[in-house]
Amino acid sequence: MSGDASVSIVVPTYNRAAFLERAIGSVLAQTARDWELAVVDDGSTDDTATLVGSFAAADARIRRLPNEGRRGAAGARNTGIAATRAPLVAFLDSDDTWDPHHLAVTTSHLAAHPDVDLVGSDCRRVNRATGDVKTAAEFQLELAGHWRDTEAGRPLFDVEALARNPAALARRSQVLSCVIGGFVWLQTSTVVVRRAALERERPFDETLPRTEDYDLWLRLNASHTLAFLPQVTGEIDMTGQDEMRGDRYDTYDPTRRTNEIDELGQHFELLRVLADDRRRRARGWGELSDDQRRFLRDRMNYTQRSLAFLHRRTGSARAAWHVIQAMRYRPRDLMYFLTRPRQYLAEP
């Protein structure tokens, strides 16, 4: 690809031709023009090849990269990173879009702040089925309010201060605390990162199921400076995500299909790694404060109780196993369970 571009854009895709045209169109509409675009086709069987081919024929900055086999989003992004050369790397999912000023805002910030290795901007999280629109920062602060209302989370989240200064969401300790909570403002489609930082770390871990983004953010967060820009510069499509249903998921790779129980289970595994000093350090995720350790145990308890509730709703015997596991992280719950079992087994 072009050796003259200042930013390489990596778009992983699988059978999303119906959405991909909008994503590529939003790249073409950027006010910043010094880019190259790698659309990594992860084994699509729809019209993706023809669609990208038509864009590439009209603009030499665009290229389709067919993946060998089907490697998932992490593997597709890694293919794009390896095949491009610009000093900055931007990510865009094939069903998301950028506002025209996205690249200009994010790359200008990196140019003005050489100490920052990753920048992410705010974005609209849109559910087309319900009409709900909320920015990532609004959603983050809403969750932080819930976390702050718990005894363990109270020392970690000053919601009013964060609302006054959203850039503080990028502080190293705040990023780590938000990951423990279960959501961090870093949305892949808003991220621009220095290639040198990616090379010092390793890129996306292809062995991880759906937490490969959190893994990379945590590694970068532990040893690099991150920045959050409160400007809204793009749109993330959330339609059907909770149930993985609808037109965005009709042709989804079966190996990537999950349900709510799967998602919670995968997040719990991430929490287990965070709680294990040896495994956490091996992954390069950084150190935890005493307050974060308490919050982590609280979230592990909450996640196990949530899994128990979901299994109980489906009649699965695994509900009892998750109830027992939850008490490992907050032993005082045993008395609560023995005296008020119905309340304890209600949705957390």
Protein backbone atom coordinates (compact mmCIF):
# COMPACT_ATOMS: atom_id res chain seq x y z
CA MET A 1 0.00 0.00 0.00
CA SER A 2 0.98 3.65 -0.19
CA GLY A 3 4.12 4.57 1.67
CA ASP A 4 3.15 8.27 1.73
CA ALA A 5 0.01 8.15 3.88
CA SER A 6 0.11 9.52 7.41
CA VAL A 7 -2.56 7.15 8.73
CA SER A 8 -3.47 3.57 7.85
CA ILE A 9 -7.15 2.71 8.28
CA VAL A 10 -7.98 -0.94 8.99
CA VAL A 11 -11.54 -2.18 8.41
CA PRO A 12 -12.17 -5.88 9.20
CA THR A 13 -15.27 -7.36 7.57
CA TYR A 14 -17.18 -10.58 7.10
CA ASN A 15 -20.39 -10.70 5.05
CA ARG A 16 -21.31 -7.11 5.80
CA ALA A 17 -21.50 -5.72 2.24
CA ALA A 18 -24.85 -4.15 3.05
CA PHE A 19 -23.17 -1.94 5.69
CA LEU A 20 -19.63 -1.69 4.34
CA GLU A 21 -20.52 0.88 1.68
CA ARG A 22 -21.51 3.38 4.38
CA ALA A 23 -18.31 2.74 6.33
CA ILE A 24 -16.07 3.26 3.29
CA GLY A 25 -18.14 6.28 2.26
CA SER A 26 -17.48 7.87 5.65
CA VAL A 27 -13.72 7.41 5.09
CA LEU A 28 -13.96 9.02 1.65
CA ALA A 29 -15.80 11.96 3.24
CA GLN A 30 -12.95 12.75 5.67
CA THR A 31 -11.61 16.29 5.58
CA ALA A 32 -8.14 14.79 6.18
CA ARG A 33 -7.08 13.18 2.90
CA ASP A 34 -3.66 11.70 3.70
CA TRP A 35 -4.73 8.11 4.40
CA GLU A 36 -4.66 4.56 3.09
CA LEU A 37 -7.52 2.12 3.64
CA ALA A 38 -7.14 -1.65 4.06
CA VAL A 39 -10.44 -3.53 3.99
CA VAL A 40 -9.61 -6.99 5.33
CA ASP A 41 -12.08 -9.53 3.96
CA ASP A 42 -12.22 -12.38 6.48
CA GLY A 43 -13.67 -14.98 4.10
CA SER A 44 -16.89 -13.24 3.01
CA THR A 45 -19.30 -15.10 0.75
CA ASP A 46 -21.50 -12.11 -0.15
CA ASP A 47 -20.73 -9.19 -2.50
CA THR A 48 -17.91 -7.79 -0.38
CA ALA A 49 -15.14 -8.49 -2.92
CA THR A 50 -17.05 -6.81 -5.75
CA LEU A 51 -18.01 -3.82 -3.61
CA VAL A 52 -14.49 -3.18 -2.32
CA GLY A 53 -13.09 -3.80 -5.80
CA SER A 54 -15.24 -1.02 -7.21
CA PHE A 55 -14.04 1.40 -4.53
CA ALA A 56 -10.41 0.37 -5.09
CA ALA A 57 -10.72 0.89 -8.86
CA ALA A 58 -11.92 4.44 -8.24
CA ASP A 59 -9.41 5.35 -5.48
CA ALA A 60 -5.83 4.03 -5.32
CA ARG A 61 -5.76 4.61 -1.54
CA ILE A 62 -8.21 1.71 -1.03
CA ARG A 63 -7.25 -1.96 -1.09
CA ARG A 64 -9.00 -5.23 -0.33
CA LEU A 65 -6.93 -7.74 1.63
CA PRO A 66 -8.34 -11.28 1.62
CA ASN A 67 -7.55 -13.15 4.82
CA GLU A 68 -6.17 -16.66 4.74
CA GLY A 69 -8.95 -18.71 6.31
CA ARG A 70 -11.32 -17.05 8.75
CA ARG A 71 -9.46 -15.48 11.66
CA GLY A 72 -12.12 -13.30 13.25
CA ALA A 73 -11.98 -9.59 13.99
CA ALA A 74 -8.65 -9.78 15.85
CA GLY A 75 -6.95 -11.71 13.06
CA ALA A 76 -8.41 -9.45 10.37
CA ARG A 77 -7.18 -6.33 12.15
CA ASN A 78 -3.74 -7.90 12.55
CA THR A 79 -3.64 -8.64 8.81
CA GLY A 80 -4.41 -4.98 8.11
CA ILE A 81 -1.80 -3.73 10.56
CA ALA A 82 0.88 -5.97 9.02
CA ALA A 83 0.03 -4.94 5.43
CA THR A 84 0.11 -1.17 6.01
CA ARG A 85 2.95 1.22 6.75
CA ALA A 86 1.72 4.63 7.93
CA PRO A 87 2.97 5.82 11.35
CA LEU A 88 -0.60 6.01 12.68
CA VAL A 89 -3.20 3.22 12.61
CA ALA A 90 -6.94 3.89 12.81
CA PHE A 91 -9.63 1.24 13.22
CA LEU A 92 -13.17 1.26 11.84
CA ASP A 93 -15.61 -1.63 12.04
CA SER A 94 -17.48 -2.36 8.84
CA ASP A 95 -20.89 -1.45 10.27
CA ASP A 96 -19.80 1.80 11.91
CA THR A 97 -19.16 5.25 10.40
CA TRP A 98 -17.02 8.31 11.01
CA ASP A 99 -18.10 11.93 10.93
CA PRO A 100 -16.07 13.92 8.34
CA HIS A 101 -13.79 15.49 10.97
CA HIS A 102 -12.81 12.24 12.76
CA LEU A 103 -9.32 11.80 11.31
CA ALA A 104 -8.54 15.51 11.42
CA VAL A 105 -9.42 15.77 15.12
CA THR A 106 -7.70 12.59 16.29
CA THR A 107 -4.51 12.86 14.23
CA SER A 108 -4.13 16.56 15.08
CA HIS A 109 -4.27 15.68 18.77
CA LEU A 110 -1.51 13.09 18.33
CA ALA A 111 0.59 15.57 16.37
CA ALA A 112 0.23 18.17 19.14
CA HIS A 113 0.87 15.67 21.95
CA PRO A 114 3.90 13.49 21.12
CA ASP A 115 3.67 11.86 24.57
CA VAL A 116 0.24 10.35 23.72
CA ASP A 117 0.33 7.00 21.93
CA LEU A 118 -3.41 6.30 21.63
CA VAL A 119 -6.34 8.62 21.26
CA GLY A 120 -10.02 7.79 21.26
CA SER A 121 -12.91 10.17 20.69
CA ASP A 122 -16.50 10.21 21.86
CA CYS A 123 -19.12 8.69 19.58
CA ARG A 124 -22.85 8.18 19.21
CA ARG A 125 -24.04 4.70 20.21
CA VAL A 126 -27.17 4.22 18.09
CA ASN A 127 -29.83 1.54 18.35
CA ARG A 128 -31.85 1.80 15.14
CA ALA A 129 -34.51 -0.60 16.40
CA THR A 130 -35.37 1.44 19.50
CA GLY A 131 -34.27 4.89 18.38
CA ASP A 132 -32.02 5.17 21.44
CA VAL A 133 -28.96 7.41 20.99
CA LYS A 134 -26.37 7.93 23.71
CA THR A 135 -22.73 8.94 23.49
CA ALA A 136 -20.04 6.63 24.84
CA ALA A 137 -19.15 9.24 27.50
CA GLU A 138 -22.78 9.54 28.60
CA PHE A 139 -23.05 5.77 28.85
CA GLN A 140 -19.72 5.59 30.71
CA LEU A 141 -20.78 8.20 33.26
CA GLU A 142 -24.15 6.52 33.73
CA LEU A 143 -22.43 3.25 34.55
CA ALA A 144 -19.88 5.01 36.75
CA GLY A 145 -22.82 6.36 38.75
CA HIS A 146 -24.05 2.81 39.36
CA TRP A 147 -20.56 1.63 40.31
CA ARG A 148 -20.09 4.64 42.61
CA ASP A 149 -23.29 3.67 44.44
CA THR A 150 -21.67 0.43 45.63
CA GLU A 151 -19.47 0.35 48.72
CA ALA A 152 -16.52 -1.05 46.76
CA GLY A 153 -16.87 1.31 43.81
CA ARG A 154 -17.34 4.55 45.73
CA PRO A 155 -13.61 5.40 46.13
CA LEU A 156 -12.92 4.90 42.42
CA PHE A 157 -15.53 7.02 40.65
CA ASP A 158 -16.06 10.74 41.14
CA VAL A 159 -18.85 11.07 38.58
CA GLU A 160 -19.31 14.82 38.98
CA ALA A 161 -15.59 15.48 38.44
CA LEU A 162 -15.53 13.21 35.40
CA ALA A 163 -18.57 14.98 33.96
CA ARG A 164 -16.80 18.32 34.35
CA ASN A 165 -13.60 16.96 32.78
CA PRO A 166 -14.35 13.92 30.56
CA ALA A 167 -10.68 13.84 29.45
CA ALA A 168 -9.94 12.39 32.90
CA LEU A 169 -11.57 9.16 31.73
CA ALA A 170 -8.23 8.44 30.01
CA ARG A 171 -6.22 8.40 33.24
CA ARG A 172 -4.48 5.07 33.67
CA SER A 173 -6.25 4.15 36.90
CA GLN A 174 -9.65 5.22 35.53
CA VAL A 175 -9.32 3.07 32.39
CA LEU A 176 -8.45 0.04 34.52
CA SER A 177 -11.33 0.68 36.94
CA CYS A 178 -13.81 1.00 34.04
CA VAL A 179 -12.62 -2.29 32.53
CA ILE A 180 -13.20 -3.96 35.90
CA GLY A 181 -16.69 -2.47 35.90
CA GLY A 182 -17.43 -3.94 32.48
CA PHE A 183 -17.32 -1.02 30.04
CA VAL A 184 -14.63 1.42 28.94
CA TRP A 185 -15.08 4.43 26.65
CA LEU A 186 -12.45 3.04 24.24
CA GLN A 187 -14.59 2.02 21.27
CA THR A 188 -12.46 0.37 18.59
CA SER A 189 -13.95 2.42 15.75
CA THR A 190 -12.80 5.67 17.40
CA VAL A 191 -9.23 4.65 18.19
CA VAL A 192 -6.10 5.97 16.48
CA VAL A 193 -2.79 4.56 17.77
CA ARG A 194 0.85 5.09 16.92
CA ARG A 195 2.27 2.13 15.00
CA ALA A 196 5.42 2.28 17.12
CA ALA A 197 3.32 1.59 20.24
CA LEU A 198 1.66 -1.40 18.55
CA GLU A 199 5.07 -2.72 17.60
CA ARG A 200 6.39 -2.35 21.15
CA GLU A 201 3.41 -4.34 22.38
CA ARG A 202 1.93 -7.16 20.36
CA PRO A 203 -1.21 -6.55 18.27
CA PHE A 204 -4.63 -8.08 18.94
CA ASP A 205 -4.51 -11.48 20.64
CA GLU A 206 -6.28 -13.87 18.26
CA THR A 207 -6.74 -16.52 20.96
CA LEU A 208 -9.13 -14.38 22.99
CA PRO A 209 -12.90 -14.62 22.44
CA ARG A 210 -14.39 -11.14 22.06
CA THR A 211 -12.17 -9.51 24.69
CA GLU A 212 -9.22 -8.94 22.37
CA ASP A 213 -9.89 -5.20 22.37
CA TYR A 214 -9.88 -4.92 26.19
CA ASP A 215 -6.65 -6.92 26.27
CA LEU A 216 -4.90 -4.53 23.88
CA TRP A 217 -6.25 -1.41 25.61
CA LEU A 218 -5.06 -2.71 28.99
CA ARG A 219 -1.58 -3.46 27.65
CA LEU A 220 -1.28 -0.03 26.07
CA ASN A 221 -2.79 1.62 29.14
CA ALA A 222 -0.19 0.05 31.44
CA SER A 223 2.85 1.46 29.65
CA HIS A 224 1.67 4.23 27.29
CA THR A 225 -0.28 7.49 27.58
CA LEU A 226 -3.89 7.43 26.36
CA ALA A 227 -6.17 10.37 25.61
CA PHE A 228 -9.94 10.75 25.38
CA LEU A 229 -11.38 13.52 23.20
CA PRO A 230 -14.90 14.62 24.18
CA GLN A 231 -15.74 15.58 20.59
CA VAL A 232 -18.24 13.20 18.99
CA THR A 233 -16.61 12.06 15.74
CA GLY A 234 -18.46 8.91 14.72
CA GLU A 235 -21.36 6.52 15.08
CA ILE A 236 -21.37 3.00 16.53
CA ASP A 237 -24.28 0.77 15.50
CA MET A 238 -25.62 -1.05 18.58
CA THR A 239 -28.75 -2.43 16.89
CA GLY A 240 -29.44 -6.02 17.91
CA GLN A 241 -26.17 -6.36 19.81
CA ASP A 242 -27.62 -7.68 23.06
CA GLU A 243 -29.46 -10.56 21.36
CA MET A 244 -27.15 -10.76 18.30
CA ARG A 245 -30.24 -10.67 16.12
CA GLY A 246 -31.26 -8.61 13.12
CA ASP A 247 -29.82 -7.76 9.73
CA ARG A 248 -26.34 -7.03 11.11
CA TYR A 249 -26.08 -10.56 12.48
CA ASP A 250 -27.98 -12.66 9.92
CA THR A 251 -24.73 -13.60 8.20
CA TYR A 252 -22.49 -13.42 11.26
CA ASP A 253 -19.67 -15.96 11.51
CA PRO A 254 -21.14 -18.81 13.65
CA THR A 255 -17.90 -19.04 15.63
CA ARG A 256 -18.43 -15.45 16.80
CA ARG A 257 -22.07 -15.81 17.82
CA THR A 258 -22.63 -15.41 21.52
CA ASN A 259 -25.50 -14.85 23.91
CA GLU A 260 -25.77 -12.92 27.17
CA ILE A 261 -24.46 -15.86 29.19
CA ASP A 262 -21.45 -16.22 26.86
CA GLU A 263 -20.69 -12.50 27.09
CA LEU A 264 -20.83 -12.51 30.90
CA GLY A 265 -18.71 -15.65 31.03
CA GLN A 266 -16.06 -14.09 28.81
CA HIS A 267 -15.99 -10.94 30.92
CA PHE A 268 -15.69 -13.04 34.06
CA GLU A 269 -12.63 -14.77 32.59
CA LEU A 270 -11.10 -11.33 32.02
CA LEU A 271 -11.82 -10.51 35.68
CA ARG A 272 -10.18 -13.76 36.76
CA VAL A 273 -7.01 -12.81 34.92
CA LEU A 274 -7.07 -9.36 36.54
CA ALA A 275 -7.39 -11.01 39.96
CA ASP A 276 -4.45 -13.37 39.35
CA ASP A 277 -1.25 -11.36 39.85
CA ARG A 278 0.90 -13.78 37.85
CA ARG A 279 -1.44 -14.00 34.86
CA ARG A 280 -2.16 -10.27 34.88
CA ARG A 281 1.53 -9.38 34.90
CA ALA A 282 2.24 -11.92 32.16
CA ARG A 283 -0.29 -10.14 29.96
CA GLY A 284 1.15 -6.74 30.84
CA TRP A 285 -2.07 -5.28 32.20
CA GLY A 286 -0.52 -3.27 35.04
CA GLU A 287 -0.99 -3.26 38.80
CA LEU A 288 -4.12 -2.88 40.91
CA SER A 289 -4.63 -0.59 43.87
CA ASP A 290 -6.24 -1.92 47.05
CA ASP A 291 -9.47 -0.11 46.13
CA GLN A 292 -9.44 -1.70 42.66
CA ARG A 293 -8.94 -5.15 44.21
CA ARG A 294 -12.00 -4.63 46.40
CA PHE A 295 -14.01 -3.39 43.42
CA LEU A 296 -12.80 -6.37 41.38
CA ARG A 297 -14.04 -8.87 43.96
CA ASP A 298 -17.36 -7.03 44.10
CA ARG A 299 -17.71 -7.26 40.29
CA MET A 300 -16.78 -10.95 40.32
CA ASN A 301 -19.53 -11.53 42.87
CA TYR A 302 -21.98 -9.49 40.79
CA THR A 303 -21.07 -11.33 37.56
CA GLN A 304 -21.51 -14.75 39.14
CA ARG A 305 -24.87 -13.70 40.59
CA SER A 306 -25.90 -12.42 37.16
CA LEU A 307 -24.93 -15.74 35.60
CA ALA A 308 -26.92 -17.55 38.29
CA PHE A 309 -29.96 -15.40 37.50
CA LEU A 310 -29.71 -16.08 33.75
CA HIS A 311 -29.27 -19.83 34.23
CA ARG A 312 -32.15 -19.91 36.74
CA ARG A 313 -34.36 -18.14 34.20
CA THR A 314 -33.68 -20.92 31.69
CA GLY A 315 -34.07 -23.70 34.28
CA SER A 316 -30.41 -24.70 34.15
CA ALA A 317 -28.89 -26.47 37.15
CA ARG A 318 -25.76 -24.36 36.70
CA ALA A 319 -27.57 -21.57 38.55
CA ALA A 320 -26.75 -23.23 41.88
CA TRP A 321 -23.07 -23.55 40.94
CA HIS A 322 -22.86 -19.84 40.15
CA VAL A 323 -24.58 -18.94 43.44
CA ILE A 324 -21.90 -20.87 45.32
CA GLN A 325 -19.14 -19.28 43.24
CA ALA A 326 -20.52 -15.79 43.93
CA MET A 327 -20.15 -16.33 47.68
CA ARG A 328 -16.44 -16.99 47.25
CA TYR A 329 -16.00 -13.32 46.43
CA ARG A 330 -18.29 -11.98 49.18
CA PRO A 331 -18.64 -14.59 51.96
CA ARG A 332 -21.05 -12.45 53.96
CA ASP A 333 -23.64 -13.18 51.25
CA LEU A 334 -24.10 -16.66 52.75
CA MET A 335 -26.16 -15.27 55.61
CA TYR A 336 -28.15 -13.12 53.17
CA PHE A 337 -28.86 -16.20 51.05
CA LEU A 338 -29.85 -18.35 54.03
CA THR A 339 -32.23 -15.76 55.47
CA ARG A 340 -33.64 -14.22 52.26
CA PRO A 341 -33.03 -16.69 49.41
CA ARG A 342 -35.66 -15.30 47.05
CA GLN A 343 -34.26 -11.78 47.28
CA TYR A 344 -30.71 -13.02 46.85
CA LEU A 345 -31.64 -15.00 43.73
CA ALA A 346 -33.49 -12.06 42.20
CA GLU A 347 -31.76 -10.19 39.40
CA PRO A 348 -28.66 -8.45 40.87
